[in-house]
């Protein structure tokens, strides 16, 4: 009887250890992110007055722009994040391009949209 229970438990272990492939199928179905942000159109260009904020906790931090109206925008591409980190605490008028789809890590959390900064002017 003890041997039968032992064999039964050993036969059930592989089902909990090895995945059935469901996760691999969903990863294959997702398209790769597009890294080309060189094209800048004037129809999606807007002005945002607000402050630069760093969201998240180390090591998963990202930069966002919080407008005076309360909307929070994620910044893409990451090269701009490094430049904007030094501007925390200032009231800034940004000229940005509002992207059609969310890109980068910050787009998962900030619902105002994803923006690419074109220029900015420190007001305070």
N, C-alpha and C. Protein backbone atom coordinates (compact mmCIF):
# COMPACT_ATOMS: atom_id res chain seq x y z
N UNK A 1 0.82 -1.19 0.00
CA UNK A 1 0.00 0.00 0.00
C UNK A 1 0.87 1.26 0.00
N UNK A 2 1.92 1.25 0.83
CA UNK A 2 2.81 2.40 0.88
C UNK A 2 3.53 2.60 -0.45
N UNK A 3 3.87 1.51 -1.09
CA UNK A 3 4.56 1.60 -2.38
C UNK A 3 3.62 2.18 -3.44
N UNK A 4 2.35 1.81 -3.41
CA UNK A 4 1.38 2.30 -4.38
C UNK A 4 1.18 3.81 -4.23
N UNK A 5 1.09 4.31 -2.99
CA UNK A 5 0.93 5.74 -2.73
C UNK A 5 2.19 6.48 -3.16
N UNK A 6 3.35 5.92 -2.88
CA UNK A 6 4.62 6.54 -3.27
C UNK A 6 4.73 6.65 -4.79
N UNK A 7 4.36 5.60 -5.51
CA UNK A 7 4.40 5.62 -6.97
C UNK A 7 3.38 6.63 -7.52
N UNK A 8 2.23 6.71 -6.92
CA UNK A 8 1.21 7.67 -7.34
C UNK A 8 1.71 9.11 -7.17
N UNK A 9 2.32 9.41 -6.03
CA UNK A 9 2.85 10.76 -5.81
C UNK A 9 3.99 11.08 -6.77
N UNK A 10 4.87 10.13 -7.03
CA UNK A 10 5.95 10.35 -7.96
C UNK A 10 5.44 10.56 -9.39
N UNK A 11 4.35 9.93 -9.74
CA UNK A 11 3.81 10.10 -11.09
C UNK A 11 3.11 11.44 -11.25
N UNK A 12 2.66 12.07 -10.17
CA UNK A 12 1.99 13.38 -10.26
C UNK A 12 2.97 14.55 -10.23
N UNK A 13 4.19 14.33 -9.78
CA UNK A 13 5.17 15.42 -9.69
C UNK A 13 5.47 16.06 -11.04
N UNK A 14 5.68 15.33 -12.12
CA UNK A 14 6.00 16.00 -13.40
C UNK A 14 4.93 16.97 -13.89
N UNK A 15 3.67 16.75 -13.54
CA UNK A 15 2.61 17.65 -13.97
C UNK A 15 2.72 19.02 -13.30
N UNK A 16 3.24 19.07 -12.10
CA UNK A 16 3.38 20.36 -11.42
C UNK A 16 4.73 21.02 -11.69
N UNK A 17 5.71 20.27 -12.16
CA UNK A 17 7.03 20.82 -12.39
C UNK A 17 7.18 21.39 -13.80
N UNK A 18 6.67 20.70 -14.80
CA UNK A 18 6.86 21.10 -16.18
C UNK A 18 5.61 21.79 -16.72
N UNK A 19 5.77 22.96 -17.36
CA UNK A 19 4.61 23.65 -17.92
C UNK A 19 4.10 22.93 -19.17
N UNK A 20 2.86 23.19 -19.51
CA UNK A 20 2.26 22.56 -20.67
C UNK A 20 2.42 23.37 -21.94
N UNK A 21 3.10 24.50 -21.90
CA UNK A 21 3.35 25.28 -23.09
C UNK A 21 2.37 26.40 -23.34
N UNK A 22 1.46 26.66 -22.45
CA UNK A 22 0.49 27.73 -22.64
C UNK A 22 1.18 29.09 -22.68
N UNK A 23 2.13 29.32 -21.82
CA UNK A 23 2.81 30.61 -21.77
C UNK A 23 3.66 30.84 -23.01
N UNK A 24 4.31 29.82 -23.52
CA UNK A 24 5.12 29.98 -24.70
C UNK A 24 4.28 30.35 -25.91
N UNK A 25 3.09 29.82 -26.01
CA UNK A 25 2.22 30.14 -27.14
C UNK A 25 1.79 31.60 -27.11
N UNK A 26 1.51 32.17 -25.94
CA UNK A 26 1.08 33.56 -25.88
C UNK A 26 2.24 34.50 -26.18
N UNK A 27 3.45 34.15 -25.81
CA UNK A 27 4.59 35.00 -26.11
C UNK A 27 4.87 35.03 -27.61
N UNK A 28 4.68 33.94 -28.30
CA UNK A 28 4.92 33.90 -29.74
C UNK A 28 3.90 34.74 -30.50
N UNK A 29 2.69 34.85 -29.97
CA UNK A 29 1.63 35.56 -30.67
C UNK A 29 1.80 37.08 -30.60
N UNK A 30 2.56 37.60 -29.62
CA UNK A 30 2.71 39.03 -29.48
C UNK A 30 3.77 39.55 -30.44
N UNK A 31 3.49 40.65 -31.13
CA UNK A 31 4.50 41.21 -32.04
C UNK A 31 5.63 41.87 -31.25
N UNK A 32 6.78 41.93 -31.86
CA UNK A 32 7.93 42.58 -31.23
C UNK A 32 7.70 44.10 -31.20
N UNK A 33 8.17 44.79 -30.14
CA UNK A 33 7.97 46.23 -30.07
C UNK A 33 8.77 46.95 -31.16
N UNK A 34 8.18 47.99 -31.69
CA UNK A 34 8.82 48.78 -32.73
C UNK A 34 9.70 49.83 -32.07
N UNK A 35 10.95 49.88 -32.44
CA UNK A 35 11.90 50.80 -31.82
C UNK A 35 12.14 52.05 -32.64
N UNK A 36 11.46 52.23 -33.75
CA UNK A 36 11.71 53.37 -34.61
C UNK A 36 10.84 54.54 -34.17
N UNK A 37 11.47 55.62 -33.67
CA UNK A 37 10.73 56.80 -33.24
C UNK A 37 11.23 58.04 -33.97
N UNK A 38 11.89 57.86 -35.09
CA UNK A 38 12.46 58.97 -35.83
C UNK A 38 11.40 59.82 -36.53
N UNK A 39 10.28 59.24 -36.90
CA UNK A 39 9.25 59.97 -37.64
C UNK A 39 8.46 60.82 -36.65
N UNK A 40 8.45 62.12 -36.88
CA UNK A 40 7.74 63.04 -36.00
C UNK A 40 6.71 63.79 -36.85
N UNK A 41 5.45 63.63 -36.48
CA UNK A 41 4.39 64.31 -37.22
C UNK A 41 3.90 65.50 -36.41
N UNK A 42 3.39 66.49 -37.08
CA UNK A 42 2.92 67.70 -36.40
C UNK A 42 1.46 67.58 -35.97
N UNK A 43 0.74 66.60 -36.48
CA UNK A 43 -0.67 66.50 -36.12
C UNK A 43 -0.88 65.98 -34.71
N UNK A 44 0.08 65.25 -34.14
CA UNK A 44 -0.04 64.74 -32.79
C UNK A 44 0.78 65.54 -31.80
N UNK A 45 1.26 66.70 -32.17
CA UNK A 45 2.08 67.53 -31.30
C UNK A 45 1.17 68.34 -30.38
N UNK A 46 1.43 68.23 -29.07
CA UNK A 46 0.65 68.96 -28.08
C UNK A 46 1.61 69.62 -27.09
N UNK A 47 1.06 70.57 -26.31
CA UNK A 47 1.83 71.21 -25.25
C UNK A 47 1.28 70.76 -23.91
N UNK A 48 2.18 70.41 -23.01
CA UNK A 48 1.81 69.97 -21.66
C UNK A 48 2.56 70.84 -20.67
N UNK A 49 1.85 71.42 -19.73
CA UNK A 49 2.47 72.14 -18.63
C UNK A 49 2.39 71.24 -17.41
N UNK A 50 3.56 70.91 -16.84
CA UNK A 50 3.56 70.01 -15.70
C UNK A 50 4.95 69.79 -15.15
N UNK A 51 5.09 68.71 -14.40
CA UNK A 51 6.35 68.39 -13.72
C UNK A 51 6.82 66.99 -14.10
N UNK A 52 8.12 66.80 -14.02
CA UNK A 52 8.72 65.49 -14.25
C UNK A 52 8.70 64.72 -12.94
N UNK A 53 8.26 63.48 -12.98
CA UNK A 53 8.24 62.62 -11.80
C UNK A 53 8.87 61.28 -12.15
N UNK A 54 9.52 60.68 -11.16
CA UNK A 54 10.07 59.33 -11.31
C UNK A 54 9.13 58.39 -10.57
N UNK A 55 8.62 57.41 -11.28
CA UNK A 55 7.67 56.46 -10.73
C UNK A 55 8.34 55.11 -10.52
N UNK A 56 7.74 54.28 -9.68
CA UNK A 56 8.25 52.94 -9.45
C UNK A 56 9.26 52.89 -8.33
N UNK A 57 9.85 51.72 -8.15
CA UNK A 57 10.88 51.54 -7.14
C UNK A 57 12.07 50.84 -7.80
N UNK A 58 13.22 51.04 -7.20
CA UNK A 58 14.47 50.51 -7.76
C UNK A 58 14.37 49.00 -7.83
N UNK A 59 14.70 48.34 -8.88
CA UNK A 59 15.35 48.77 -10.10
C UNK A 59 14.36 49.06 -11.24
N UNK A 60 13.08 49.12 -10.95
CA UNK A 60 12.06 49.29 -11.99
C UNK A 60 11.49 50.71 -11.95
N UNK A 61 12.33 51.70 -12.15
CA UNK A 61 11.87 53.08 -12.17
C UNK A 61 11.69 53.56 -13.61
N UNK A 62 10.82 54.52 -13.78
CA UNK A 62 10.59 55.12 -15.09
C UNK A 62 10.15 56.55 -14.90
N UNK A 63 10.38 57.36 -15.91
CA UNK A 63 10.08 58.79 -15.84
C UNK A 63 8.73 59.05 -16.50
N UNK A 64 7.98 59.94 -15.90
CA UNK A 64 6.70 60.36 -16.46
C UNK A 64 6.52 61.85 -16.28
N UNK A 65 5.57 62.39 -17.00
CA UNK A 65 5.23 63.81 -16.90
C UNK A 65 3.83 63.89 -16.32
N UNK A 66 3.69 64.62 -15.22
CA UNK A 66 2.39 64.84 -14.60
C UNK A 66 1.96 66.26 -14.92
N UNK A 67 0.88 66.39 -15.70
CA UNK A 67 0.38 67.70 -16.09
C UNK A 67 -0.34 68.38 -14.95
N UNK A 68 -0.54 69.70 -15.08
CA UNK A 68 -1.25 70.45 -14.05
C UNK A 68 -2.72 70.02 -13.98
N UNK A 69 -3.23 69.40 -15.04
CA UNK A 69 -4.60 68.90 -15.04
C UNK A 69 -4.72 67.52 -14.40
N UNK A 70 -3.59 66.91 -13.99
CA UNK A 70 -3.61 65.62 -13.31
C UNK A 70 -3.31 64.43 -14.20
N UNK A 71 -3.28 64.61 -15.51
CA UNK A 71 -2.95 63.50 -16.41
C UNK A 71 -1.48 63.14 -16.28
N UNK A 72 -1.21 61.84 -16.35
CA UNK A 72 0.17 61.36 -16.25
C UNK A 72 0.55 60.69 -17.56
N UNK A 73 1.66 61.12 -18.13
CA UNK A 73 2.13 60.64 -19.43
C UNK A 73 3.46 59.91 -19.25
N UNK A 74 3.61 58.79 -19.93
CA UNK A 74 4.89 58.09 -19.91
C UNK A 74 5.78 58.65 -21.02
N UNK A 75 7.10 58.61 -20.79
CA UNK A 75 8.08 59.17 -21.72
C UNK A 75 8.75 58.04 -22.48
N UNK A 76 8.80 58.18 -23.79
CA UNK A 76 9.48 57.21 -24.65
C UNK A 76 10.22 57.97 -25.72
N UNK A 77 11.40 57.66 -26.06
CA UNK A 77 12.27 56.54 -25.74
C UNK A 77 13.06 56.79 -24.45
N UNK A 78 13.71 55.75 -23.93
CA UNK A 78 14.42 55.85 -22.65
C UNK A 78 15.55 56.88 -22.64
N UNK A 79 16.09 57.27 -23.79
CA UNK A 79 17.16 58.26 -23.81
C UNK A 79 16.68 59.60 -23.23
N UNK A 80 15.42 59.94 -23.42
CA UNK A 80 14.88 61.17 -22.89
C UNK A 80 14.69 61.09 -21.38
N UNK A 81 14.47 59.89 -20.87
CA UNK A 81 14.29 59.73 -19.43
C UNK A 81 15.51 60.22 -18.67
N UNK A 82 16.70 59.90 -19.16
CA UNK A 82 17.92 60.33 -18.49
C UNK A 82 18.04 61.85 -18.46
N UNK A 83 17.66 62.50 -19.54
CA UNK A 83 17.75 63.97 -19.60
C UNK A 83 16.73 64.62 -18.67
N UNK A 84 15.54 64.01 -18.56
CA UNK A 84 14.46 64.62 -17.78
C UNK A 84 14.59 64.38 -16.28
N UNK A 85 15.35 63.39 -15.86
CA UNK A 85 15.49 63.12 -14.42
C UNK A 85 16.06 64.32 -13.67
N UNK A 86 16.94 65.04 -14.31
CA UNK A 86 17.53 66.22 -13.67
C UNK A 86 16.59 67.40 -13.56
N UNK A 87 15.43 67.34 -14.18
CA UNK A 87 14.48 68.45 -14.18
C UNK A 87 13.36 68.28 -13.16
N UNK A 88 13.49 67.32 -12.25
CA UNK A 88 12.45 67.10 -11.25
C UNK A 88 12.29 68.33 -10.37
N UNK A 89 11.06 68.64 -10.01
CA UNK A 89 10.80 69.76 -9.12
C UNK A 89 10.55 71.07 -9.82
N UNK A 90 10.71 71.14 -11.11
CA UNK A 90 10.48 72.37 -11.87
C UNK A 90 9.14 72.28 -12.60
N UNK A 91 8.48 73.43 -12.72
CA UNK A 91 7.29 73.52 -13.56
C UNK A 91 7.78 73.78 -14.97
N UNK A 92 7.40 72.92 -15.91
CA UNK A 92 7.96 72.95 -17.25
C UNK A 92 6.83 72.93 -18.27
N UNK A 93 7.03 73.66 -19.36
CA UNK A 93 6.11 73.56 -20.50
C UNK A 93 6.78 72.69 -21.56
N UNK A 94 6.18 71.55 -21.81
CA UNK A 94 6.71 70.58 -22.76
C UNK A 94 5.98 70.69 -24.09
N UNK A 95 6.71 70.56 -25.18
CA UNK A 95 6.13 70.33 -26.50
C UNK A 95 6.46 68.88 -26.82
N UNK A 96 5.41 68.08 -26.96
CA UNK A 96 5.60 66.64 -27.11
C UNK A 96 4.80 66.11 -28.28
N UNK A 97 5.21 64.95 -28.74
CA UNK A 97 4.42 64.21 -29.72
C UNK A 97 3.70 63.10 -28.99
N UNK A 98 2.39 63.08 -29.08
CA UNK A 98 1.58 62.05 -28.46
C UNK A 98 1.56 60.84 -29.39
N UNK A 99 2.10 59.72 -28.91
CA UNK A 99 2.17 58.51 -29.73
C UNK A 99 0.83 57.79 -29.74
N UNK A 100 0.53 57.09 -30.82
CA UNK A 100 -0.75 56.41 -30.98
C UNK A 100 -0.92 55.22 -30.04
N UNK A 101 0.19 54.55 -29.74
CA UNK A 101 0.12 53.37 -28.88
C UNK A 101 1.14 53.50 -27.76
N UNK A 102 0.87 52.81 -26.65
CA UNK A 102 1.77 52.84 -25.52
C UNK A 102 3.06 52.09 -25.81
N UNK A 103 4.18 52.68 -25.45
CA UNK A 103 5.48 52.04 -25.63
C UNK A 103 6.28 52.20 -24.35
N UNK A 104 7.13 51.23 -24.09
CA UNK A 104 7.99 51.30 -22.92
C UNK A 104 7.29 50.80 -21.67
N UNK A 105 8.08 50.74 -20.60
CA UNK A 105 7.60 50.20 -19.33
C UNK A 105 6.57 51.12 -18.67
N UNK A 106 6.76 52.42 -18.78
CA UNK A 106 5.86 53.36 -18.13
C UNK A 106 4.46 53.36 -18.70
N UNK A 107 4.30 52.94 -19.94
CA UNK A 107 2.98 52.93 -20.57
C UNK A 107 2.05 51.90 -19.93
N UNK A 108 2.61 50.94 -19.22
CA UNK A 108 1.78 49.94 -18.54
C UNK A 108 1.05 50.54 -17.34
N UNK A 109 1.57 51.63 -16.78
CA UNK A 109 1.03 52.17 -15.54
C UNK A 109 0.41 53.56 -15.68
N UNK A 110 0.95 54.39 -16.56
CA UNK A 110 0.45 55.76 -16.70
C UNK A 110 -0.53 55.82 -17.86
N UNK A 111 -1.76 56.23 -17.57
CA UNK A 111 -2.85 56.12 -18.55
C UNK A 111 -3.09 57.37 -19.38
N UNK A 112 -2.30 58.41 -19.21
CA UNK A 112 -2.50 59.62 -20.01
C UNK A 112 -2.03 59.46 -21.45
N UNK A 113 -1.16 58.49 -21.69
CA UNK A 113 -0.62 58.27 -23.02
C UNK A 113 0.89 58.23 -22.97
N UNK A 114 1.48 57.94 -24.10
CA UNK A 114 2.93 57.91 -24.23
C UNK A 114 3.36 59.07 -25.10
N UNK A 115 4.37 59.81 -24.64
CA UNK A 115 4.81 60.99 -25.36
C UNK A 115 6.32 60.92 -25.63
N UNK A 116 6.71 61.58 -26.71
CA UNK A 116 8.12 61.78 -27.02
C UNK A 116 8.38 63.28 -26.91
N UNK A 117 9.20 63.71 -25.94
CA UNK A 117 9.46 65.15 -25.79
C UNK A 117 10.23 65.70 -26.99
N UNK A 118 9.76 66.80 -27.52
CA UNK A 118 10.44 67.48 -28.62
C UNK A 118 11.26 68.66 -28.08
N UNK A 119 10.66 69.43 -27.16
CA UNK A 119 11.36 70.54 -26.53
C UNK A 119 10.68 70.84 -25.21
N UNK A 120 11.37 71.58 -24.35
CA UNK A 120 10.79 71.99 -23.08
C UNK A 120 11.39 73.31 -22.64
N UNK A 121 10.60 74.02 -21.83
CA UNK A 121 11.02 75.32 -21.30
C UNK A 121 10.66 75.36 -19.82
N UNK A 122 11.64 75.66 -18.98
CA UNK A 122 11.42 75.71 -17.53
C UNK A 122 10.70 77.01 -17.18
N UNK A 123 9.55 76.91 -16.54
CA UNK A 123 8.77 78.07 -16.14
C UNK A 123 9.09 78.51 -14.72
N UNK A 124 9.32 77.57 -13.83
CA UNK A 124 9.63 77.86 -12.43
C UNK A 124 10.72 76.97 -11.94
